Amino acid sequence: MNNRFLRLIQVCVLTLDLLTLNLLVILSQSWMERVNGAYSLEYARFWVWLNASWILVTWLSNLYYEKHIISFENFSRRSMHAYFYWVVLLMMYLFFTHQFGLSRLFIAIIFMCQGIMLLINRFIYLLIRSYYKRRNLFIRKVMIIGYNDTAKKLVSYLEEEGMNTEIVGFCEEPENVYELSNYPIVSSIANTIEVSHHHRVNEIYSTIAPEQDSGIYQLMKEADQACIHFRLIPDLSYFVKRVVYISYLKDMPVLSLRQEPLSDAGNRIRKRLFDIIFSIAVIVFLLSWLVPLLALFIWLDSRGPIFFKQPRTGQGKKTFNCFKFRSMRESKDAHTMQASRNDKRLTRLGKFIRKTSLDEMPQFFNVLRGDMSVVGPRPHMLKHTNDYSKLIDQYMVRQFLKPGITGWAQINGFRGETRTIEEMEGRVDHDIWYMENWGLWLDLRIIFLTGFNVFKGEKKAF
């Protein structure tokens, strides 16, 4: 998509969202003043927080990011997610600051009407986009050098992008073309710049590397002189049969087999801060009274230690002691055998605390110590790590991250006992997906769904 057009869309939608939000507040406050005849400082503070929280939520979720805004469906879906998190932030503000002077009707009007206005704004966004597309404003015309498998794939991607992109055709030697193409072969490679001038082309994509045809270097220079953007599409399919990610170490391109948001130091700091704050809150407000209470019940139900410490595989294949409330009688195979349905080792209380996942709560101390994260791949017993790493190709990739109390695999049904290789492969695939798509909002979503599943009940919780 043309960058100027994209920036215009981003600015328009952001401005529209903030404008409708503030108009709602002004109109609602005017109505409240006429009804109640009073205006308090609490309303002004709430007004500021309405704007600040929306900006914060959209910034953290990258709502207006170009990758998300390019698709109407994706942008609308992410907008509803952002709206939900915005409402949660506002409810937390009202709860913790004790804003009892605010009218509940006023708050309800803001919440409901802003949700409706977001939907209306997304359709306005669709109309703006359609208008500029029909008028051919900010259109970019693309010429492609080479007619090969890479060029065909490039065309399909450009067609999917669609908006304000016109593919003029291909530049290729006639003897290299053996089939009818969807777009015309407009000239030979040597005449690329000349025909690009004629068709008023903005961008040239070359699917032929300079190493294959040294004339590409001259075309790059001529394109610069003609103010035409020249881009190279390297064909790596011969070496790598999957998507690769390109980053730069100064002027040196670096290829990676997967995208890892947590390889960025800033993201690691954000995740660690979240882990510390969340685990301290759980320890202070929940475990401070739950530990002595469950300790008494565990001791009365089955004599033995209150906590169960088990060596498990952590980040970088390092071993750490994972804490749990003891739910089983002591046995020799405690560190090698998974819990199963109707396991005879389970105590009466153990069945309950495993069903409700209360046995995992001491792992918040692991999080505070830095051994684990609140969200991440579940840590496995050392024996399972050793066994499955030999059977599943990408099994050890999940060890790039700190293990978690809950994870993407767990909320998608891959929790508890794994009886087959396929079940473990499903868990590994979900763990790798989480690693490649990590975000703070994804962590919050997983935490919320974990709590929801606990209350709902899970078949594999035993």
Protein backbone atom coordinates (compact mmCIF):
# COMPACT_ATOMS: atom_id res chain seq x y z
CA MET A 1 0.00 0.00 0.00
CA ASN A 2 1.22 3.54 -0.74
CA ASN A 3 2.82 4.93 2.42
CA ARG A 4 1.24 8.39 2.08
CA PHE A 5 -2.19 6.82 1.67
CA LEU A 6 -1.58 4.55 4.65
CA ARG A 7 -0.50 7.44 6.89
CA LEU A 8 -3.59 9.40 5.84
CA ILE A 9 -5.85 6.47 6.76
CA GLN A 10 -4.09 5.99 10.12
CA VAL A 11 -4.37 9.67 11.05
CA CYS A 12 -8.01 9.86 9.93
CA VAL A 13 -9.12 6.83 11.96
CA LEU A 14 -7.17 7.78 15.11
CA THR A 15 -8.53 11.34 14.95
CA LEU A 16 -12.06 10.05 14.32
CA ASP A 17 -11.93 7.70 17.33
CA LEU A 18 -10.68 10.41 19.70
CA LEU A 19 -13.08 12.98 18.27
CA THR A 20 -16.16 10.77 18.77
CA LEU A 21 -15.02 9.84 22.29
CA ASN A 22 -14.62 13.47 23.34
CA LEU A 23 -17.87 14.53 21.66
CA LEU A 24 -19.66 11.81 23.62
CA VAL A 25 -18.16 13.10 26.88
CA ILE A 26 -19.06 16.73 26.10
CA LEU A 27 -22.64 15.91 25.13
CA SER A 28 -23.12 13.56 28.08
CA GLN A 29 -21.69 16.08 30.53
CA SER A 30 -23.87 18.87 29.15
CA TRP A 31 -26.90 16.67 29.62
CA MET A 32 -25.78 15.71 33.16
CA GLU A 33 -25.29 19.38 34.09
CA ARG A 34 -28.80 20.22 32.95
CA VAL A 35 -30.23 17.30 34.92
CA ASN A 36 -28.12 17.56 38.09
CA GLY A 37 -27.08 21.17 37.84
CA ALA A 38 -23.56 20.41 39.01
CA TYR A 39 -20.14 19.64 37.60
CA SER A 40 -17.37 18.11 39.71
CA LEU A 41 -13.62 17.70 39.32
CA GLU A 42 -14.16 13.94 39.24
CA TYR A 43 -15.72 14.27 35.79
CA ALA A 44 -12.67 16.17 34.50
CA ARG A 45 -10.30 13.50 35.85
CA PHE A 46 -12.43 10.77 34.32
CA TRP A 47 -12.40 12.64 31.00
CA VAL A 48 -8.60 12.73 31.02
CA TRP A 49 -8.43 9.02 31.91
CA LEU A 50 -10.87 8.15 29.08
CA ASN A 51 -8.45 9.63 26.54
CA ALA A 52 -5.25 8.45 28.22
CA SER A 53 -6.47 4.85 28.57
CA TRP A 54 -7.64 4.70 24.93
CA ILE A 55 -4.27 6.00 23.71
CA LEU A 56 -2.47 3.54 26.01
CA VAL A 57 -4.55 0.55 24.90
CA THR A 58 -4.22 1.33 21.18
CA TRP A 59 -0.48 1.92 21.56
CA LEU A 60 0.12 -1.35 23.43
CA SER A 61 -2.05 -3.35 21.02
CA ASN A 62 -0.66 -1.55 17.91
CA LEU A 63 -4.26 -1.04 16.79
CA TYR A 64 -3.39 1.56 14.13
CA TYR A 65 -0.27 -0.31 13.00
CA GLU A 66 -0.08 -0.58 9.20
CA LYS A 67 -0.13 -4.41 9.23
CA HIS A 68 -3.45 -4.37 11.12
CA ILE A 69 -5.17 -1.43 9.46
CA ILE A 70 -4.70 -2.74 5.93
CA SER A 71 -7.48 -5.35 6.38
CA PHE A 72 -10.96 -4.11 7.28
CA GLU A 73 -11.91 -7.41 8.96
CA ASN A 74 -8.70 -7.63 11.00
CA PHE A 75 -8.85 -3.96 11.96
CA SER A 76 -12.48 -4.23 13.10
CA ARG A 77 -11.76 -7.36 15.16
CA ARG A 78 -8.74 -5.77 16.85
CA SER A 79 -10.78 -2.62 17.51
CA MET A 80 -13.31 -4.66 19.50
CA HIS A 81 -10.48 -6.27 21.47
CA ALA A 82 -9.04 -2.82 22.22
CA TYR A 83 -12.48 -1.60 23.28
CA PHE A 84 -12.82 -4.52 25.73
CA TYR A 85 -9.40 -3.80 27.31
CA TRP A 86 -10.26 -0.08 27.45
CA VAL A 87 -13.43 -0.86 29.41
CA VAL A 88 -11.42 -3.08 31.80
CA LEU A 89 -8.91 -0.28 32.42
CA LEU A 90 -11.71 2.20 33.10
CA MET A 91 -13.43 -0.18 35.52
CA MET A 92 -10.13 -0.66 37.36
CA TYR A 93 -9.73 3.13 37.55
CA LEU A 94 -13.24 3.55 38.97
CA PHE A 95 -12.73 0.72 41.46
CA PHE A 96 -9.30 1.66 42.81
CA THR A 97 -9.85 5.45 42.92
CA HIS A 98 -13.33 5.16 44.51
CA GLN A 99 -15.01 7.53 42.07
CA PHE A 100 -18.40 7.38 43.77
CA GLY A 101 -19.34 10.89 42.69
CA LEU A 102 -19.63 9.91 39.03
CA SER A 103 -23.09 9.13 37.74
CA ARG A 104 -23.49 5.46 36.87
CA LEU A 105 -25.79 6.47 34.04
CA PHE A 106 -23.09 8.78 32.66
CA ILE A 107 -20.53 5.95 32.75
CA ALA A 108 -22.94 3.50 31.11
CA ILE A 109 -23.72 5.99 28.32
CA ILE A 110 -20.00 6.51 27.59
CA PHE A 111 -19.26 2.79 27.55
CA MET A 112 -22.21 1.83 25.36
CA CYS A 113 -22.08 4.76 22.93
CA GLN A 114 -18.30 4.52 22.40
CA GLY A 115 -18.68 0.86 21.42
CA ILE A 116 -21.38 1.81 18.92
CA MET A 117 -19.33 4.73 17.58
CA LEU A 118 -16.31 2.49 17.06
CA LEU A 119 -18.42 0.29 14.80
CA ILE A 120 -19.69 3.35 12.90
CA ASN A 121 -16.13 4.69 12.61
CA ARG A 122 -14.93 1.42 11.08
CA PHE A 123 -17.58 1.72 8.36
CA ILE A 124 -16.55 5.36 7.82
CA TYR A 125 -12.98 4.06 7.47
CA LEU A 126 -14.23 1.59 4.85
CA LEU A 127 -15.98 4.41 2.95
CA ILE A 128 -12.85 6.61 3.02
CA ARG A 129 -10.72 3.74 1.77
CA SER A 130 -13.20 2.91 -1.00
CA TYR A 131 -13.42 6.58 -2.03
CA TYR A 132 -9.68 6.96 -2.50
CA LYS A 133 -9.47 3.63 -4.26
CA ARG A 134 -12.20 4.61 -6.77
CA ARG A 135 -10.60 8.00 -7.40
CA ASN A 136 -7.19 6.34 -8.00
CA LEU A 137 -5.60 8.78 -5.57
CA PHE A 138 -2.19 7.83 -4.18
CA ILE A 139 -2.12 4.90 -6.58
CA ARG A 140 1.14 3.04 -7.04
CA LYS A 141 2.01 1.35 -10.33
CA VAL A 142 4.26 -1.68 -10.15
CA MET A 143 6.52 -3.23 -12.80
CA ILE A 144 8.03 -6.68 -12.22
CA ILE A 145 11.35 -7.80 -13.69
CA GLY A 146 11.39 -11.51 -14.49
CA TYR A 147 8.64 -14.02 -15.13
CA ASN A 148 9.20 -16.99 -12.81
CA ASP A 149 7.69 -18.70 -9.76
CA THR A 150 8.84 -15.88 -7.45
CA ALA A 151 7.26 -13.27 -9.75
CA LYS A 152 3.96 -15.20 -9.80
CA LYS A 153 3.93 -15.42 -6.01
CA LEU A 154 4.74 -11.70 -5.77
CA VAL A 155 1.78 -10.90 -8.05
CA SER A 156 -0.58 -12.93 -5.88
CA TYR A 157 0.59 -11.09 -2.76
CA LEU A 158 0.21 -7.69 -4.42
CA GLU A 159 -3.30 -8.66 -5.57
CA GLU A 160 -4.22 -9.64 -2.00
CA GLU A 161 -3.00 -6.28 -0.77
CA GLY A 162 -5.14 -4.80 -3.49
CA MET A 163 -5.69 -1.29 -2.27
CA ASN A 164 -4.26 1.35 -4.62
CA THR A 165 -1.85 -1.08 -6.29
CA GLU A 166 -1.84 -1.55 -10.08
CA ILE A 167 0.40 -4.18 -11.64
CA VAL A 168 1.48 -2.92 -15.06
CA GLY A 169 3.18 -6.14 -16.23
CA PHE A 170 6.45 -8.05 -16.51
CA CYS A 171 9.78 -7.28 -18.13
CA GLU A 172 11.33 -10.51 -19.39
CA GLU A 173 13.13 -11.90 -22.44
CA PRO A 174 10.58 -13.50 -24.84
CA GLU A 175 12.52 -16.78 -25.02
CA ASN A 176 12.07 -17.25 -21.24
CA VAL A 177 8.27 -17.13 -21.36
CA TYR A 178 6.56 -20.46 -22.04
CA GLU A 179 2.95 -19.72 -21.01
CA LEU A 180 0.25 -17.06 -21.01
CA SER A 181 0.62 -14.66 -18.10
CA ASN A 182 -2.12 -12.86 -16.17
CA TYR A 183 -0.39 -9.54 -16.90
CA PRO A 184 1.34 -8.58 -20.17
CA ILE A 185 5.04 -9.04 -20.91
CA VAL A 186 5.62 -5.36 -21.72
CA SER A 187 9.28 -5.42 -22.73
CA SER A 188 12.67 -7.05 -22.39
CA ILE A 189 14.68 -6.53 -19.20
CA ALA A 190 17.01 -4.00 -20.84
CA ASN A 191 14.10 -1.64 -21.64
CA THR A 192 12.57 -1.73 -18.14
CA ILE A 193 13.21 1.91 -17.26
CA GLU A 194 11.97 3.19 -20.62
CA VAL A 195 8.63 1.36 -20.44
CA SER A 196 8.30 2.26 -16.75
CA HIS A 197 8.52 5.93 -17.73
CA HIS A 198 5.87 5.39 -20.38
CA HIS A 199 3.45 3.73 -17.93
CA ARG A 200 4.30 6.15 -15.09
CA VAL A 201 5.48 3.32 -12.82
CA ASN A 202 6.27 4.16 -9.17
CA GLU A 203 7.96 0.91 -8.14
CA ILE A 204 9.99 -1.81 -9.83
CA TYR A 205 10.36 -5.26 -8.25
CA SER A 206 13.15 -7.45 -9.55
CA THR A 207 12.82 -11.20 -9.02
CA ILE A 208 16.17 -11.64 -10.82
CA ALA A 209 19.23 -11.15 -8.61
CA PRO A 210 22.19 -9.06 -9.86
CA GLU A 211 24.30 -12.22 -9.54
CA GLN A 212 22.10 -13.82 -12.21
CA ASP A 213 22.11 -10.80 -14.51
CA SER A 214 24.74 -8.08 -14.00
CA GLY A 215 22.55 -5.65 -15.97
CA ILE A 216 20.30 -5.34 -12.90
CA TYR A 217 22.96 -3.12 -11.27
CA GLN A 218 22.66 -0.63 -14.14
CA LEU A 219 18.84 -0.73 -13.94
CA MET A 220 19.05 0.09 -10.22
CA LYS A 221 21.11 3.20 -10.97
CA GLU A 222 18.79 4.27 -13.79
CA ALA A 223 15.74 3.80 -11.54
CA ASP A 224 17.28 6.10 -8.93
CA GLN A 225 17.88 8.75 -11.59
CA ALA A 226 14.26 8.37 -12.75
CA CYS A 227 12.92 8.62 -9.15
CA ILE A 228 11.45 5.12 -9.35
CA HIS A 229 11.72 2.91 -6.27
CA PHE A 230 13.67 -0.25 -7.07
CA ARG A 231 13.23 -3.36 -4.90
CA LEU A 232 14.91 -6.77 -5.02
CA ILE A 233 13.05 -9.98 -4.15
CA PRO A 234 15.63 -12.65 -3.21
CA ASP A 235 14.59 -16.24 -3.97
CA LEU A 236 15.60 -18.31 -0.93
CA SER A 237 13.34 -21.28 -1.65
CA TYR A 238 16.30 -23.34 -2.88
CA PHE A 239 17.94 -23.10 0.55
CA VAL A 240 15.02 -22.62 2.99
CA LYS A 241 11.61 -24.22 2.47
CA ARG A 242 9.71 -21.96 4.87
CA VAL A 243 9.09 -18.31 5.74
CA VAL A 244 12.23 -16.50 6.89
CA TYR A 245 12.58 -13.17 8.70
CA ILE A 246 15.18 -10.59 7.74
CA SER A 247 16.81 -8.20 10.22
CA TYR A 248 19.98 -6.14 10.00
CA LEU A 249 23.21 -6.01 11.98
CA LYS A 250 24.32 -2.57 10.77
CA ASP A 251 24.56 -3.13 6.97
CA MET A 252 24.59 -6.94 7.18
CA PRO A 253 21.28 -8.77 6.52
CA VAL A 254 20.53 -11.57 8.98
CA LEU A 255 18.01 -14.33 8.18
CA SER A 256 16.01 -15.98 10.98
CA LEU A 257 13.73 -19.00 10.73
CA ARG A 258 11.15 -17.47 13.05
CA GLN A 259 10.04 -14.13 14.45
CA GLU A 260 10.72 -13.79 18.18
CA PRO A 261 9.29 -10.63 19.80
CA LEU A 262 10.95 -11.54 23.10
CA SER A 263 14.40 -11.41 21.51
CA ASP A 264 13.97 -7.63 21.87
CA ALA A 265 15.33 -6.41 25.23
CA GLY A 266 12.48 -3.91 25.66
CA ASN A 267 9.86 -6.64 25.28
CA ARG A 268 11.70 -8.87 27.76
CA ILE A 269 11.73 -6.04 30.29
CA ARG A 270 8.00 -5.41 29.81
CA LYS A 271 7.19 -9.10 30.25
CA ARG A 272 9.38 -9.38 33.36
CA LEU A 273 7.84 -6.27 34.94
CA PHE A 274 4.38 -7.68 34.27
CA ASP A 275 5.41 -11.01 35.83
CA ILE A 276 6.76 -9.30 38.97
CA ILE A 277 3.72 -7.05 39.47
CA PHE A 278 1.21 -9.84 38.79
CA SER A 279 2.96 -12.44 40.98
CA ILE A 280 3.37 -9.99 43.90
CA ALA A 281 -0.35 -9.16 43.68
CA VAL A 282 -1.28 -12.86 43.74
CA ILE A 283 1.11 -13.61 46.63
CA VAL A 284 -0.08 -10.66 48.75
CA PHE A 285 -3.82 -10.86 48.11
CA LEU A 286 -4.30 -14.61 47.61
CA LEU A 287 -1.44 -16.81 48.72
CA SER A 288 -0.95 -14.93 52.00
CA TRP A 289 -4.09 -16.64 53.35
CA LEU A 290 -4.41 -19.58 50.93
CA VAL A 291 -1.03 -21.16 51.80
CA PRO A 292 -1.66 -21.58 55.56
CA LEU A 293 -5.24 -22.73 54.90
CA LEU A 294 -4.33 -25.37 52.31
CA ALA A 295 -1.26 -26.36 54.32
CA LEU A 296 -3.52 -27.32 57.23
CA PHE A 297 -5.92 -29.28 54.99
CA ILE A 298 -3.07 -31.09 53.16
CA TRP A 299 -1.45 -32.07 56.47
CA LEU A 300 -4.76 -33.35 57.88
CA ASP A 301 -5.59 -35.26 54.68
CA SER A 302 -2.22 -36.97 54.17
CA ARG A 303 0.83 -36.71 56.39
CA GLY A 304 3.88 -35.47 54.56
CA PRO A 305 5.35 -32.26 53.10
CA ILE A 306 2.98 -29.39 52.19
CA PHE A 307 4.83 -28.49 49.01
CA PHE A 308 6.02 -30.78 46.24
CA LYS A 309 9.27 -29.74 44.56
CA GLN A 310 10.04 -31.32 41.20
CA PRO A 311 13.05 -30.72 38.93
CA ARG A 312 11.79 -29.46 35.57
CA THR A 313 13.29 -28.10 32.37
CA GLY A 314 13.44 -24.31 32.19
CA GLN A 315 14.64 -21.70 29.73
CA GLY A 316 17.77 -22.71 27.86
CA LYS A 317 17.35 -26.32 29.09
CA LYS A 318 18.36 -25.24 32.62
CA THR A 319 16.88 -27.28 35.46
CA PHE A 320 14.90 -25.62 38.26
CA ASN A 321 12.70 -26.79 41.13
CA CYS A 322 9.03 -26.24 40.29
CA PHE A 323 6.80 -25.70 43.35
CA LYS A 324 3.32 -27.18 43.76
CA PHE A 325 0.95 -27.96 46.59
CA ARG A 326 1.34 -31.69 47.21
CA SER A 327 -1.68 -33.50 45.76
CA MET A 328 -0.35 -37.08 45.83
CA ARG A 329 1.06 -39.53 48.30
CA GLU A 330 4.83 -39.82 48.19
CA SER A 331 6.06 -42.43 45.69
CA LYS A 332 9.24 -43.50 43.88
CA ASP A 333 7.93 -42.59 40.41
CA ALA A 334 6.86 -39.05 41.37
CA HIS A 335 9.47 -37.48 39.05
CA THR A 336 8.95 -39.75 36.03
CA MET A 337 5.23 -40.56 35.80
CA GLN A 338 2.50 -38.08 34.81
CA ALA A 339 -0.75 -37.83 36.75
CA SER A 340 -3.58 -39.68 35.00
CA ARG A 341 -7.33 -39.92 35.40
CA ASN A 342 -8.27 -41.92 38.53
CA ASP A 343 -4.60 -41.99 39.57
CA LYS A 344 -4.33 -44.05 42.77
CA ARG A 345 -1.59 -41.77 44.09
CA LEU A 346 -4.01 -38.81 44.39
CA THR A 347 -5.24 -37.85 47.87
CA ARG A 348 -8.85 -36.84 48.50
CA LEU A 349 -7.89 -33.16 48.74
CA GLY A 350 -5.44 -33.63 45.87
CA LYS A 351 -8.27 -34.45 43.46
CA PHE A 352 -9.96 -31.15 44.32
CA ILE A 353 -6.90 -28.90 44.13
CA ARG A 354 -5.81 -30.44 40.83
CA LYS A 355 -9.31 -30.11 39.38
CA THR A 356 -9.34 -26.40 40.30
CA SER A 357 -5.62 -25.89 39.45
CA LEU A 358 -4.96 -24.66 43.00
CA ASP A 359 -1.98 -27.03 43.18
CA GLU A 360 -0.16 -24.77 40.68
CA MET A 361 -0.50 -21.58 42.77
CA PRO A 362 2.92 -21.83 44.54
CA GLN A 363 4.52 -21.42 41.11
CA PHE A 364 3.98 -17.68 41.53
CA PHE A 365 7.01 -17.90 43.85
CA ASN A 366 8.90 -19.43 40.90
CA VAL A 367 7.78 -16.46 38.82
CA LEU A 368 9.02 -13.98 41.42
CA ARG A 369 12.36 -15.81 41.58
CA GLY A 370 12.70 -15.58 37.80
CA ASP A 371 12.54 -19.33 37.07
CA MET A 372 9.15 -19.03 35.38
CA SER A 373 6.78 -16.55 33.77
CA VAL A 374 3.04 -16.18 34.37
CA VAL A 375 2.43 -17.18 30.74
CA GLY A 376 4.65 -19.46 28.70
CA PRO A 377 5.18 -23.10 27.71
CA ARG A 378 4.41 -25.46 30.60
CA PRO A 379 7.60 -26.90 32.16
CA HIS A 380 8.01 -30.63 31.63
CA MET A 381 9.65 -33.29 33.77
CA LEU A 382 13.30 -33.94 32.88
CA LYS A 383 12.49 -37.43 31.61
CA HIS A 384 9.82 -36.10 29.24
CA THR A 385 12.17 -33.42 27.91
CA ASN A 386 14.83 -36.03 27.24
CA ASP A 387 12.37 -38.47 25.61
CA TYR A 388 10.28 -36.10 23.48
CA SER A 389 13.25 -34.04 22.26
CA LYS A 390 14.37 -37.16 20.38
CA LEU A 391 10.92 -37.82 18.89
CA ILE A 392 9.68 -34.30 17.94
CA ASP A 393 11.83 -32.13 15.64
CA GLN A 394 11.11 -28.69 17.10
CA TYR A 395 10.49 -29.78 20.68
CA MET A 396 13.46 -27.86 22.15
CA VAL A 397 12.41 -24.60 20.44
CA ARG A 398 9.87 -24.13 23.27
CA GLN A 399 12.82 -23.94 25.71
CA PHE A 400 13.85 -20.58 24.21
CA LEU A 401 11.23 -19.08 26.57
CA LYS A 402 10.76 -19.19 30.31
CA PRO A 403 8.17 -21.81 31.21
CA GLY A 404 4.79 -20.51 32.38
CA ILE A 405 2.08 -21.29 34.92
CA THR A 406 -0.36 -21.29 32.02
CA GLY A 407 0.07 -21.00 28.27
CA TRP A 408 -1.46 -20.83 24.81
CA ALA A 409 -1.39 -24.63 24.53
CA GLN A 410 -3.24 -25.07 27.83
CA ILE A 411 -6.19 -22.83 26.95
CA ASN A 412 -6.48 -24.63 23.60
CA GLY A 413 -6.97 -28.05 25.15
CA PHE A 414 -3.37 -29.29 25.36
CA ARG A 415 -3.05 -29.50 29.13
CA GLY A 416 -2.51 -32.34 31.54
CA GLU A 417 -1.53 -35.86 30.52
CA THR A 418 -0.16 -36.40 27.00
CA ARG A 419 -0.82 -39.99 25.96
CA THR A 420 0.28 -39.78 22.32
CA ILE A 421 3.03 -38.17 20.26
CA GLU A 422 0.33 -36.22 18.36
CA GLU A 423 -0.88 -34.58 21.59
CA MET A 424 2.65 -33.49 22.46
CA GLU A 425 3.22 -32.22 18.92
CA GLY A 426 0.04 -30.14 19.25
CA ARG A 427 1.32 -28.68 22.51
CA VAL A 428 4.72 -27.88 20.96
CA ASP A 429 3.11 -26.25 17.89
CA HIS A 430 1.00 -23.99 20.16
CA ASP A 431 4.02 -23.10 22.31
CA ILE A 432 6.02 -22.09 19.22
CA TRP A 433 3.06 -20.06 17.90
CA TYR A 434 2.97 -18.21 21.24
CA MET A 435 6.70 -17.51 21.03
CA GLU A 436 6.34 -16.05 17.53
CA ASN A 437 3.24 -13.96 18.35
CA TRP A 438 3.91 -12.82 21.91
CA GLY A 439 2.33 -9.60 23.19
CA LEU A 440 1.21 -8.31 26.59
CA TRP A 441 -2.41 -8.36 25.45
CA LEU A 442 -2.00 -11.99 24.40
CA ASP A 443 -0.71 -12.75 27.92
CA LEU A 444 -3.72 -11.03 29.47
CA ARG A 445 -6.07 -12.93 27.16
CA ILE A 446 -4.48 -16.25 28.14
CA ILE A 447 -4.73 -15.40 31.86
CA PHE A 448 -8.39 -14.43 31.48
CA LEU A 449 -9.25 -17.60 29.53
CA THR A 450 -7.35 -19.72 32.05
CA GLY A 451 -9.48 -18.33 34.88
CA PHE A 452 -12.61 -18.79 32.80
CA ASN A 453 -11.73 -22.42 32.06
CA VAL A 454 -11.09 -23.13 35.76
CA PHE A 455 -14.60 -21.94 36.68
CA LYS A 456 -16.13 -23.67 33.66
CA GLY A 457 -14.28 -26.91 34.35
CA GLU A 458 -11.96 -28.81 32.04
CA LYS A 459 -12.07 -32.45 31.00
CA LYS A 460 -8.29 -32.84 31.23
CA ALA A 461 -8.00 -31.24 34.68
CA PHE A 462 -7.18 -34.17 36.94
